[in-house]
Amino acid sequence: MDALATVTYAGTKKNLVESNMVADQPAINGNKVKVVLEFPRDTDPFLKSTVKAAEAAIKYHCGKDVEVTIETEFKSKPRPAVEQLLPGVKNIIAVSSGKGGVGKSTVSANLAISLARLGYRVGLLDCDIFGPSIPKMFDLEDAKPYAVKVDGRDLICPMEQYGVKLLSIGFFVSPTTATLWRGGMATSALKQLIADADWGELDYFILDTPPGTSDIHLTLLQTLPITGAVIVSTPQQVALADARKGIDMYRNDKVNVPILGLIENMAWFTPAELPENRYYIFGREGCKQLAEEMNVPLLAQIPLVQGICDCGDQGKPAALNVDTMTGQAFLNLAQAVITVVNRRNKEQPKTKIVGMK
């Protein structure tokens, strides 16, 4: 016990004895010692380093010939196996694109709100660990989720706004500080937002993914059976080239996630004073042509309207007002997504989780 009192647990900044982590008196049989350490949860980031430090401390203080066995227990029940995650979620939709700045978060937020307004139970996960924007778009920048006890596990309780359950890494980090994390830390945080949260029963779980085809996307594919992907792009050829890569990622033989359709964002510019006019700033119907080329539906063409940007910045997405042109556009998008998801579920088998490699 004296040896264990020299080991500091990073989670509390106190030693193992002060942290009440030694579950029972160490069992000693000759030169064999068995210690049981109790951690808060099985996903504790300090678990391995603490166990190694405890073993080293016992050998240092009690002799190199001591055979040390350290077992671990957890106050919170271990998270379920990957195959058993989110049993109450019916459909998981990834909103994706190979390029940044095309409006994935805007589409995700407004799609989620529109689905909720149609009477569905909706969750929205901000998967962009390094550039989260959902807290601002839902006027929840100062929100701090709390933990709840569910079936013996400590789970994060998602925030709720506009009828949508929400989680984002932005709730846990400073909005003005860069998140300087390696890939492993980012994917670990994402897994916690998925597996260690009380999402409950959902009809639609929307994943607002980051740009590109990265570790984050692979983590999602290895963690969740994604029902289908919605690809967002502007009509610009540069954006469409990256959209093709996004489509290819989901259609890869090892992934096989159905493409539900494409959304052409910023399809044209319509000034408020000339609502009947259309100016094709980024090209005309490029996404429509890509949809035809890839043989997937074009789910919507969303105009470039200043009100969409203003509403997002104010934390009140355009979909909240169905009486406007933009609000109706997102409502139509939600209805189109419902149609393609129902068709996909009727005609295709459930998506399998990508194997770990």
Protein backbone atom coordinates (compact mmCIF):
# COMPACT_ATOMS: atom_id res chain seq x y z
CA MET A 1 0.00 0.00 0.00
CA ASP A 2 2.93 2.31 0.68
CA ALA A 3 4.23 1.59 -2.81
CA LEU A 4 0.84 2.32 -4.38
CA ALA A 5 0.70 5.59 -2.45
CA THR A 6 3.66 6.80 -4.52
CA VAL A 7 1.71 6.47 -7.81
CA THR A 8 -0.30 9.52 -8.91
CA TYR A 9 -3.51 8.99 -10.86
CA ALA A 10 -3.73 11.74 -13.50
CA GLY A 11 -7.52 11.78 -13.34
CA THR A 12 -7.57 13.14 -9.78
CA LYS A 13 -3.98 14.42 -9.36
CA LYS A 14 -3.87 12.31 -6.17
CA ASN A 15 -2.19 8.98 -5.43
CA LEU A 16 -3.99 5.66 -5.88
CA VAL A 17 -4.69 5.23 -2.16
CA GLU A 18 -6.05 8.77 -1.70
CA SER A 19 -8.19 8.31 -4.82
CA ASN A 20 -9.71 5.15 -3.28
CA MET A 21 -8.72 3.18 -6.35
CA VAL A 22 -7.27 0.17 -4.51
CA ALA A 23 -10.37 -2.02 -4.48
CA ASP A 24 -9.18 -4.36 -1.72
CA GLN A 25 -6.10 -5.18 0.34
CA PRO A 26 -3.37 -6.52 -1.98
CA ALA A 27 -3.26 -10.33 -1.94
CA ILE A 28 0.20 -11.69 -1.11
CA ASN A 29 1.30 -15.29 -1.61
CA GLY A 30 5.04 -15.75 -1.19
CA ASN A 31 6.63 -13.43 -3.75
CA LYS A 32 3.39 -13.09 -5.71
CA VAL A 33 1.27 -9.96 -5.31
CA LYS A 34 -2.16 -9.32 -6.76
CA VAL A 35 -3.67 -5.82 -6.73
CA VAL A 36 -7.14 -4.78 -7.92
CA LEU A 37 -7.46 -1.18 -9.10
CA GLU A 38 -10.87 0.40 -9.67
CA PHE A 39 -11.12 2.99 -12.46
CA PRO A 40 -14.09 5.26 -13.24
CA ARG A 41 -14.75 3.57 -16.59
CA ASP A 42 -13.24 1.11 -19.06
CA THR A 43 -12.41 3.93 -21.50
CA ASP A 44 -10.26 5.75 -18.93
CA PRO A 45 -7.40 7.39 -20.92
CA PHE A 46 -4.98 6.93 -17.99
CA LEU A 47 -5.68 3.24 -17.41
CA LYS A 48 -2.66 1.66 -19.12
CA SER A 49 -0.13 4.20 -17.86
CA THR A 50 -1.47 3.94 -14.29
CA VAL A 51 -1.31 0.13 -14.28
CA LYS A 52 2.29 0.18 -15.55
CA ALA A 53 3.27 2.79 -12.96
CA ALA A 54 1.67 0.75 -10.16
CA GLU A 55 3.52 -2.40 -11.24
CA ALA A 56 6.82 -0.53 -11.44
CA ALA A 57 6.30 1.06 -8.02
CA ILE A 58 5.65 -2.30 -6.32
CA LYS A 59 8.78 -3.85 -7.86
CA TYR A 60 10.85 -0.81 -6.92
CA HIS A 61 9.71 -0.73 -3.30
CA CYS A 62 9.22 -4.46 -2.65
CA GLY A 63 11.90 -6.09 -4.78
CA LYS A 64 12.54 -6.90 -8.42
CA ASP A 65 11.73 -10.57 -7.89
CA VAL A 66 8.14 -9.83 -6.92
CA GLU A 67 5.63 -11.20 -9.44
CA VAL A 68 2.96 -8.52 -9.81
CA THR A 69 -0.54 -9.08 -11.16
CA ILE A 70 -2.81 -6.06 -11.49
CA GLU A 71 -6.48 -6.52 -12.26
CA THR A 72 -8.88 -3.71 -13.13
CA GLU A 73 -12.49 -3.04 -12.22
CA PHE A 74 -14.75 -0.18 -13.19
CA LYS A 75 -17.27 1.92 -11.29
CA SER A 76 -19.24 2.42 -14.49
CA LYS A 77 -20.24 -0.63 -16.54
CA PRO A 78 -18.16 -1.14 -19.70
CA ARG A 79 -19.63 0.22 -22.91
CA PRO A 80 -21.42 -2.38 -25.03
CA ALA A 81 -19.79 -4.07 -28.01
CA VAL A 82 -19.75 -2.14 -31.28
CA GLU A 83 -22.53 -4.29 -32.70
CA GLN A 84 -24.78 -3.32 -29.77
CA LEU A 85 -24.24 0.45 -29.85
CA LEU A 86 -27.29 2.72 -30.25
CA PRO A 87 -29.91 -0.05 -30.28
CA GLY A 88 -32.69 2.55 -30.20
CA VAL A 89 -31.54 4.35 -33.37
CA LYS A 90 -33.34 3.37 -36.57
CA ASN A 91 -31.49 5.31 -39.29
CA ILE A 92 -27.98 6.80 -39.30
CA ILE A 93 -27.36 9.41 -42.01
CA ALA A 94 -23.88 10.75 -42.78
CA VAL A 95 -23.86 14.25 -44.29
CA SER A 96 -20.57 14.33 -46.11
CA SER A 97 -18.39 15.85 -48.83
CA GLY A 98 -14.77 15.68 -49.83
CA LYS A 99 -14.42 19.46 -49.61
CA GLY A 100 -14.77 22.01 -46.83
CA GLY A 101 -16.89 25.14 -47.03
CA VAL A 102 -19.73 23.65 -49.07
CA GLY A 103 -22.28 23.90 -46.28
CA LYS A 104 -22.36 20.45 -44.65
CA SER A 105 -23.06 21.84 -41.18
CA THR A 106 -25.74 24.19 -42.51
CA VAL A 107 -27.42 21.31 -44.32
CA SER A 108 -27.05 18.99 -41.31
CA ALA A 109 -28.58 21.51 -38.90
CA ASN A 110 -31.48 22.43 -41.14
CA LEU A 111 -32.14 18.82 -42.16
CA ALA A 112 -32.24 17.73 -38.51
CA ILE A 113 -34.64 20.54 -37.58
CA SER A 114 -36.87 19.85 -40.58
CA LEU A 115 -37.09 16.15 -39.71
CA ALA A 116 -38.00 17.07 -36.14
CA ARG A 117 -40.69 19.46 -37.37
CA LEU A 118 -42.16 16.57 -39.36
CA GLY A 119 -42.60 14.67 -36.11
CA TYR A 120 -39.53 12.43 -36.08
CA ARG A 121 -37.15 11.84 -33.17
CA VAL A 122 -33.83 13.26 -34.30
CA GLY A 123 -30.25 13.35 -33.02
CA LEU A 124 -27.39 15.37 -34.50
CA LEU A 125 -23.72 14.61 -33.81
CA ASP A 126 -21.09 17.19 -34.76
CA CYS A 127 -18.25 14.93 -35.94
CA ASP A 128 -15.91 17.81 -36.78
CA ILE A 129 -13.53 17.61 -33.82
CA PHE A 130 -11.24 20.40 -35.00
CA GLY A 131 -13.85 22.84 -36.32
CA PRO A 132 -17.17 22.27 -34.52
CA SER A 133 -19.92 24.67 -35.55
CA ILE A 134 -23.14 23.06 -34.31
CA PRO A 135 -23.09 24.78 -30.86
CA LYS A 136 -23.14 28.21 -32.51
CA MET A 137 -25.74 27.27 -35.10
CA PHE A 138 -28.09 26.07 -32.34
CA ASP A 139 -27.39 29.00 -30.00
CA LEU A 140 -25.76 26.70 -27.44
CA GLU A 141 -22.20 28.02 -27.29
CA ASP A 142 -22.32 28.31 -23.48
CA ALA A 143 -24.07 24.98 -22.91
CA LYS A 144 -22.38 22.30 -20.80
CA PRO A 145 -23.81 18.76 -21.00
CA TYR A 146 -24.07 16.81 -17.76
CA ALA A 147 -23.78 13.09 -16.95
CA VAL A 148 -26.64 10.73 -16.16
CA LYS A 149 -26.66 7.19 -14.81
CA VAL A 150 -28.24 4.70 -17.23
CA ASP A 151 -28.16 0.95 -16.52
CA GLY A 152 -25.08 1.30 -14.34
CA ARG A 153 -23.18 3.46 -16.83
CA ASP A 154 -22.29 7.14 -16.61
CA LEU A 155 -23.47 8.67 -19.89
CA ILE A 156 -23.38 12.17 -21.37
CA CYS A 157 -26.84 13.67 -21.69
CA PRO A 158 -27.14 15.36 -25.13
CA MET A 159 -28.36 18.94 -25.24
CA GLU A 160 -31.80 19.53 -26.79
CA GLN A 161 -32.72 22.48 -28.98
CA TYR A 162 -35.46 22.96 -31.58
CA GLY A 163 -36.60 19.37 -31.04
CA VAL A 164 -33.15 17.89 -31.82
CA LYS A 165 -30.75 16.05 -29.49
CA LEU A 166 -27.23 17.47 -29.95
CA LEU A 167 -23.65 16.67 -29.06
CA SER A 168 -20.43 18.33 -30.19
CA ILE A 169 -16.87 18.48 -28.95
CA GLY A 170 -17.52 22.22 -28.98
CA PHE A 171 -19.48 21.78 -25.73
CA PHE A 172 -16.31 20.60 -23.97
CA VAL A 173 -13.54 22.85 -25.34
CA SER A 174 -13.01 26.60 -25.50
CA PRO A 175 -14.54 28.14 -28.67
CA THR A 176 -11.52 30.46 -29.02
CA THR A 177 -8.76 27.88 -28.54
CA ALA A 178 -7.41 25.58 -31.23
CA THR A 179 -7.84 21.85 -30.54
CA LEU A 180 -4.26 20.56 -30.92
CA TRP A 181 -4.89 16.82 -30.82
CA ARG A 182 -3.34 13.92 -32.65
CA GLY A 183 -5.61 11.65 -34.65
CA GLY A 184 -5.92 9.06 -31.88
CA MET A 185 -7.20 11.61 -29.37
CA ALA A 186 -9.72 12.97 -31.86
CA THR A 187 -11.12 9.55 -32.73
CA SER A 188 -11.26 8.59 -29.04
CA ALA A 189 -13.28 11.73 -28.28
CA LEU A 190 -15.63 10.98 -31.17
CA LYS A 191 -16.21 7.43 -29.92
CA GLN A 192 -17.13 8.80 -26.51
CA LEU A 193 -19.69 11.17 -28.04
CA ILE A 194 -21.27 8.17 -29.76
CA ALA A 195 -20.94 5.31 -27.28
CA ASP A 196 -20.93 7.14 -23.94
CA ALA A 197 -23.98 9.32 -24.55
CA ASP A 198 -27.64 8.74 -23.75
CA TRP A 199 -29.07 9.08 -27.27
CA GLY A 200 -32.13 6.98 -26.48
CA GLU A 201 -34.75 6.28 -29.15
CA LEU A 202 -34.15 8.08 -32.47
CA ASP A 203 -35.74 7.79 -35.90
CA TYR A 204 -32.85 9.66 -37.54
CA PHE A 205 -29.31 10.15 -36.29
CA ILE A 206 -27.54 12.78 -38.42
CA LEU A 207 -23.73 12.78 -38.58
CA ASP A 208 -22.25 16.13 -39.57
CA THR A 209 -18.88 14.90 -40.85
CA PRO A 210 -15.70 16.96 -41.38
CA PRO A 211 -14.20 17.60 -44.84
CA GLY A 212 -12.16 14.98 -46.61
CA THR A 213 -11.73 11.24 -46.07
CA SER A 214 -9.84 10.95 -42.79
CA ASP A 215 -9.46 9.04 -39.51
CA ILE A 216 -12.77 10.49 -38.37
CA HIS A 217 -14.65 8.96 -41.30
CA LEU A 218 -12.97 5.58 -40.80
CA THR A 219 -13.86 5.67 -37.09
CA LEU A 220 -17.51 6.34 -37.95
CA LEU A 221 -17.55 3.48 -40.46
CA GLN A 222 -15.95 1.12 -37.92
CA THR A 223 -18.29 2.17 -35.11
CA LEU A 224 -21.72 2.64 -36.69
CA PRO A 225 -23.78 0.82 -39.34
CA ILE A 226 -24.47 3.91 -41.42
CA THR A 227 -27.79 3.64 -43.26
CA GLY A 228 -26.65 5.92 -46.05
CA ALA A 229 -24.66 9.01 -46.97
CA VAL A 230 -25.86 12.33 -48.31
CA ILE A 231 -23.23 14.19 -50.33
CA VAL A 232 -23.23 17.99 -50.26
CA SER A 233 -21.50 20.06 -52.94
CA THR A 234 -21.65 23.40 -54.68
CA PRO A 235 -22.00 23.41 -58.50
CA GLN A 236 -18.35 24.43 -58.83
CA GLN A 237 -16.15 21.91 -60.63
CA VAL A 238 -13.45 22.02 -57.93
CA ALA A 239 -16.04 21.07 -55.30
CA LEU A 240 -17.52 18.38 -57.53
CA ALA A 241 -14.11 16.75 -57.96
CA ASP A 242 -13.86 16.34 -54.18
CA ALA A 243 -17.48 15.21 -53.99
CA ARG A 244 -16.58 12.34 -56.31
CA LYS A 245 -13.90 11.26 -53.81
CA GLY A 246 -16.46 11.35 -51.02
CA ILE A 247 -18.81 9.18 -53.05
CA ASP A 248 -15.97 6.76 -53.85
CA MET A 249 -15.14 6.42 -50.14
CA TYR A 250 -18.64 5.21 -49.29
CA ARG A 251 -18.90 3.02 -52.39
CA ASN A 252 -15.57 1.32 -51.70
CA ASP A 253 -15.87 -2.49 -51.70
CA LYS A 254 -14.82 -2.63 -48.03
CA VAL A 255 -17.32 0.05 -46.98
CA ASN A 256 -20.50 -0.38 -49.04
CA VAL A 257 -22.52 2.46 -47.56
CA PRO A 258 -25.36 3.45 -49.95
CA ILE A 259 -25.34 6.97 -51.39
CA LEU A 260 -28.83 8.29 -50.65
CA GLY A 261 -28.41 11.29 -52.92
CA LEU A 262 -26.68 14.59 -53.61
CA ILE A 263 -27.53 18.08 -52.40
CA GLU A 264 -26.51 21.06 -54.48
CA ASN A 265 -25.87 23.89 -52.04
CA MET A 266 -25.41 27.50 -53.15
CA ALA A 267 -27.05 26.46 -56.42
CA TRP A 268 -27.77 30.07 -57.36
CA PHE A 269 -27.85 33.50 -55.78
CA THR A 270 -31.16 35.25 -55.29
CA PRO A 271 -31.03 38.81 -53.90
CA ALA A 272 -33.74 39.76 -51.41
CA GLU A 273 -34.86 42.73 -53.51
CA LEU A 274 -35.16 40.57 -56.65
CA PRO A 275 -36.62 37.26 -55.40
CA GLU A 276 -37.43 36.01 -58.90
CA ASN A 277 -33.88 36.43 -60.21
CA ARG A 278 -31.23 33.73 -60.19
CA TYR A 279 -27.50 34.31 -60.61
CA TYR A 280 -25.37 31.18 -61.03
CA ILE A 281 -22.21 32.33 -59.25
CA PHE A 282 -20.57 28.91 -58.85
CA GLY A 283 -21.74 27.36 -62.11
CA ARG A 284 -25.04 25.92 -63.18
CA GLU A 285 -26.43 22.51 -62.23
CA GLY A 286 -23.00 20.90 -61.74
CA CYS A 287 -24.29 18.75 -58.89
CA LYS A 288 -27.33 17.74 -60.92
CA GLN A 289 -25.03 16.53 -63.68
CA LEU A 290 -22.88 14.64 -61.16
CA ALA A 291 -25.99 12.97 -59.74
CA GLU A 292 -26.94 11.78 -63.21
CA GLU A 293 -23.39 10.60 -63.85
CA MET A 294 -23.27 8.65 -60.55
CA ASN A 295 -26.85 7.40 -60.96
CA VAL A 296 -28.04 8.78 -57.61
CA PRO A 297 -30.94 11.14 -56.82
CA LEU A 298 -30.54 14.89 -56.62
CA LEU A 299 -32.31 15.52 -53.32
CA ALA A 300 -32.36 19.31 -53.36
CA GLN A 301 -30.95 22.50 -54.82
CA ILE A 302 -30.50 25.03 -52.04
CA PRO A 303 -30.09 28.67 -53.16
CA LEU A 304 -27.40 31.01 -51.87
CA VAL A 305 -29.46 33.35 -49.73
CA GLN A 306 -28.02 35.72 -47.15
CA GLY A 307 -30.77 34.76 -44.72
CA ILE A 308 -29.43 31.18 -44.45
CA CYS A 309 -26.03 32.48 -43.31
CA ASP A 310 -27.54 35.09 -40.98
CA CYS A 311 -29.89 32.58 -39.35
CA GLY A 312 -27.04 30.15 -38.75
CA ASP A 313 -24.85 32.85 -37.19
CA GLN A 314 -27.73 33.90 -34.93
CA GLY A 315 -28.31 30.35 -33.74
CA LYS A 316 -31.72 30.12 -35.38
CA PRO A 317 -31.40 28.00 -38.56
CA ALA A 318 -33.56 28.87 -41.56
CA ALA A 319 -35.58 25.65 -41.26
CA LEU A 320 -37.31 27.06 -38.18
CA ASN A 321 -39.38 29.32 -40.43
CA VAL A 322 -41.22 27.15 -42.97
CA ASP A 323 -43.04 30.19 -44.37
CA THR A 324 -39.88 31.38 -46.11
CA MET A 325 -38.45 30.10 -49.39
CA THR A 326 -35.38 28.67 -47.64
CA GLY A 327 -37.39 27.11 -44.83
CA GLN A 328 -39.59 25.36 -47.39
CA ALA A 329 -36.50 24.22 -49.33
CA PHE A 330 -35.11 22.43 -46.26
CA LEU A 331 -38.52 20.93 -45.45
CA ASN A 332 -38.66 19.55 -49.00
CA LEU A 333 -35.14 18.17 -48.50
CA ALA A 334 -36.23 16.37 -45.32
CA GLN A 335 -39.18 14.81 -47.12
CA ALA A 336 -36.88 13.68 -49.94
CA VAL A 337 -34.47 12.10 -47.43
CA ILE A 338 -37.34 10.24 -45.75
CA THR A 339 -38.42 8.88 -49.14
CA VAL A 340 -34.96 7.65 -50.17
CA VAL A 341 -34.26 6.16 -46.73
CA ASN A 342 -37.52 4.20 -46.78
CA ARG A 343 -36.75 2.96 -50.28
CA ARG A 344 -33.20 2.04 -49.29
CA ASN A 345 -34.40 0.08 -46.23
CA LYS A 346 -36.96 -1.77 -48.31
CA GLU A 347 -34.63 -2.71 -51.14
CA GLN A 348 -31.20 -3.13 -49.49
CA PRO A 349 -29.87 -5.05 -46.47
CA LYS A 350 -28.66 -3.28 -43.35
CA THR A 351 -25.18 -1.78 -43.65
CA LYS A 352 -22.42 -3.71 -41.90
CA ILE A 353 -19.76 -2.07 -39.76
CA VAL A 354 -16.38 -1.91 -41.50
CA GLY A 355 -13.94 -4.43 -39.98
CA MET A 356 -11.11 -3.16 -37.80
CA LYS A 357 -7.68 -3.20 -39.44
